């Protein structure tokens, strides 16, 4: 995972102190792994999502294409920086590509990725809301504030 982290940091255009940067990725990873204990999500996919989902942002504003850019990038780095089975890579790609759309997912891994990211939305002044959470533990955490 350290190779993936180093790569993400090396391509991230917004700098190390960005609200979408490494501190955010660390929080998403921590919350995501914690949620995995209840959701049964794939921990490797959740960790990779945390490190890569915002890595292709061009700015901290409304860069709506950062998810698709990061998902497309997976084809360049999968197999070189990390190895994961095709079905798991497909989950990762979907989770990254669609993480900003406000959708929810019945898939425990995709839902855990999205919930972990959304539970950290307070960093930009937005209170997480349970209606945007995919998993029971995500909804519970959002409700608790």
Protein backbone atom coordinates (compact mmCIF):
# COMPACT_ATOMS: atom_id res chain seq x y z
CA UNK A 1 0.00 0.00 0.00
CA UNK A 2 2.91 2.36 0.56
CA UNK A 3 3.67 2.34 -3.19
CA UNK A 4 0.09 3.31 -3.95
CA UNK A 5 0.16 6.06 -1.32
CA UNK A 6 3.43 7.44 -2.69
CA UNK A 7 2.06 7.39 -6.23
CA UNK A 8 -1.18 9.14 -5.20
CA UNK A 9 0.77 11.84 -3.38
CA UNK A 10 3.09 12.30 -6.37
CA UNK A 11 0.24 12.97 -8.84
CA UNK A 12 -2.04 14.95 -6.52
CA UNK A 13 -2.24 18.50 -7.89
CA UNK A 14 -3.80 20.20 -4.86
CA UNK A 15 -0.90 19.86 -2.43
CA UNK A 16 -0.43 18.07 0.87
CA UNK A 17 -2.68 20.40 2.89
CA UNK A 18 -5.70 20.21 0.58
CA UNK A 19 -9.07 19.33 2.13
CA UNK A 20 -9.13 16.49 -0.42
CA UNK A 21 -5.54 15.40 0.25
CA UNK A 22 -3.60 12.88 2.30
CA UNK A 23 -5.16 13.76 5.66
CA UNK A 24 -8.60 13.13 4.15
CA UNK A 25 -7.41 9.88 2.56
CA UNK A 26 -6.12 8.72 5.96
CA UNK A 27 -9.45 9.47 7.64
CA UNK A 28 -11.38 7.70 4.86
CA UNK A 29 -9.12 4.68 5.26
CA UNK A 30 -9.50 4.61 9.06
CA UNK A 31 -13.29 4.98 8.98
CA UNK A 32 -13.58 2.57 6.05
CA UNK A 33 -11.61 -0.16 7.80
CA UNK A 34 -13.69 0.36 10.92
CA UNK A 35 -16.90 0.05 8.90
CA UNK A 36 -15.56 -3.14 7.28
CA UNK A 37 -15.86 -4.93 10.61
CA UNK A 38 -19.64 -4.50 10.43
CA UNK A 39 -20.29 -4.51 6.69
CA UNK A 40 -18.00 -7.35 5.62
CA UNK A 41 -16.59 -5.15 2.85
CA UNK A 42 -13.35 -6.01 1.07
CA UNK A 43 -10.67 -4.26 3.14
CA UNK A 44 -8.16 -4.09 0.30
CA UNK A 45 -10.65 -2.38 -2.01
CA UNK A 46 -11.63 0.04 0.76
CA UNK A 47 -7.98 0.92 1.42
CA UNK A 48 -7.24 1.44 -2.27
CA UNK A 49 -10.38 3.57 -2.63
CA UNK A 50 -9.29 5.76 0.28
CA UNK A 51 -5.91 6.42 -1.29
CA UNK A 52 -7.03 6.92 -4.88
CA UNK A 53 -10.57 8.34 -4.99
CA UNK A 54 -9.52 12.03 -4.86
CA UNK A 55 -5.97 11.65 -6.17
CA UNK A 56 -6.80 13.01 -9.64
CA UNK A 57 -8.45 16.23 -8.45
CA UNK A 58 -7.23 19.33 -10.25
CA UNK A 59 -8.51 21.67 -7.53
CA UNK A 60 -10.49 21.74 -4.30
CA UNK A 61 -13.56 23.14 -6.03
CA UNK A 62 -16.23 21.46 -8.12
CA UNK A 63 -13.99 19.15 -10.10
CA UNK A 64 -16.76 16.72 -11.07
CA UNK A 65 -14.51 14.69 -13.37
CA UNK A 66 -11.95 13.71 -10.73
CA UNK A 67 -13.68 10.39 -10.03
CA UNK A 68 -13.75 9.28 -13.68
CA UNK A 69 -10.12 10.43 -14.13
CA UNK A 70 -9.03 8.41 -11.09
CA UNK A 71 -11.04 5.38 -12.26
CA UNK A 72 -9.45 5.58 -15.72
CA UNK A 73 -6.01 5.81 -14.11
CA UNK A 74 -6.52 2.39 -12.52
CA UNK A 75 -5.80 0.78 -15.87
CA UNK A 76 -2.33 2.30 -15.80
CA UNK A 77 -1.38 1.33 -12.25
CA UNK A 78 -3.21 -1.94 -11.52
CA UNK A 79 -0.79 -4.80 -11.90
CA UNK A 80 2.15 -2.47 -11.46
CA UNK A 81 1.56 -0.78 -8.09
CA UNK A 82 -0.92 -3.33 -6.77
CA UNK A 83 -2.45 -6.62 -7.83
CA UNK A 84 -6.07 -7.55 -7.27
CA UNK A 85 -8.48 -9.92 -8.96
CA UNK A 86 -10.55 -8.53 -11.87
CA UNK A 87 -13.87 -8.63 -9.99
CA UNK A 88 -12.37 -6.69 -7.08
CA UNK A 89 -10.76 -4.19 -9.48
CA UNK A 90 -14.18 -3.71 -11.06
CA UNK A 91 -15.67 -2.86 -7.64
CA UNK A 92 -12.84 -0.40 -6.99
CA UNK A 93 -13.25 1.21 -10.39
CA UNK A 94 -16.99 1.63 -9.91
CA UNK A 95 -16.64 3.01 -6.38
CA UNK A 96 -14.07 5.59 -7.51
CA UNK A 97 -15.85 6.57 -10.74
CA UNK A 98 -19.21 7.21 -9.06
CA UNK A 99 -18.27 8.39 -5.56
CA UNK A 100 -19.44 11.99 -6.04
CA UNK A 101 -22.88 11.34 -7.51
CA UNK A 102 -24.77 11.06 -4.22
CA UNK A 103 -25.86 7.53 -5.06
CA UNK A 104 -26.11 4.75 -2.51
CA UNK A 105 -25.20 1.12 -3.12
CA UNK A 106 -26.41 -2.24 -1.86
CA UNK A 107 -22.96 -3.67 -2.44
CA UNK A 108 -21.20 -3.75 0.94
CA UNK A 109 -17.79 -2.82 -0.47
CA UNK A 110 -18.95 0.04 -2.66
CA UNK A 111 -21.26 1.27 0.10
CA UNK A 112 -18.48 1.15 2.68
CA UNK A 113 -16.17 3.15 0.39
CA UNK A 114 -18.78 5.82 -0.20
CA UNK A 115 -19.86 5.99 3.44
CA UNK A 116 -16.28 6.35 4.65
CA UNK A 117 -15.76 9.28 2.28
CA UNK A 118 -19.10 10.93 3.08
CA UNK A 119 -18.65 10.61 6.82
CA UNK A 120 -15.63 12.93 6.45
CA UNK A 121 -17.62 15.63 4.61
CA UNK A 122 -17.62 17.77 7.76
CA UNK A 123 -14.14 18.92 6.76
CA UNK A 124 -15.78 21.20 4.16
CA UNK A 125 -18.58 22.41 6.43
CA UNK A 126 -21.28 19.91 5.43
CA UNK A 127 -22.93 17.71 8.03
CA UNK A 128 -23.15 14.05 6.94
CA UNK A 129 -26.76 12.92 6.48
CA UNK A 130 -27.97 9.37 6.88
CA UNK A 131 -29.96 9.46 3.61
CA UNK A 132 -26.64 9.55 1.71
CA UNK A 133 -25.25 6.51 3.50
CA UNK A 134 -25.35 3.05 1.97
CA UNK A 135 -24.71 0.91 5.03
CA UNK A 136 -26.41 0.54 8.39
CA UNK A 137 -23.25 1.49 10.31
CA UNK A 138 -22.79 4.49 8.00
CA UNK A 139 -26.35 5.65 8.64
CA UNK A 140 -25.90 5.13 12.38
CA UNK A 141 -22.71 7.22 12.42
CA UNK A 142 -24.28 10.00 10.37
CA UNK A 143 -27.27 10.06 12.68
CA UNK A 144 -25.03 10.34 15.72
CA UNK A 145 -23.19 13.23 14.13
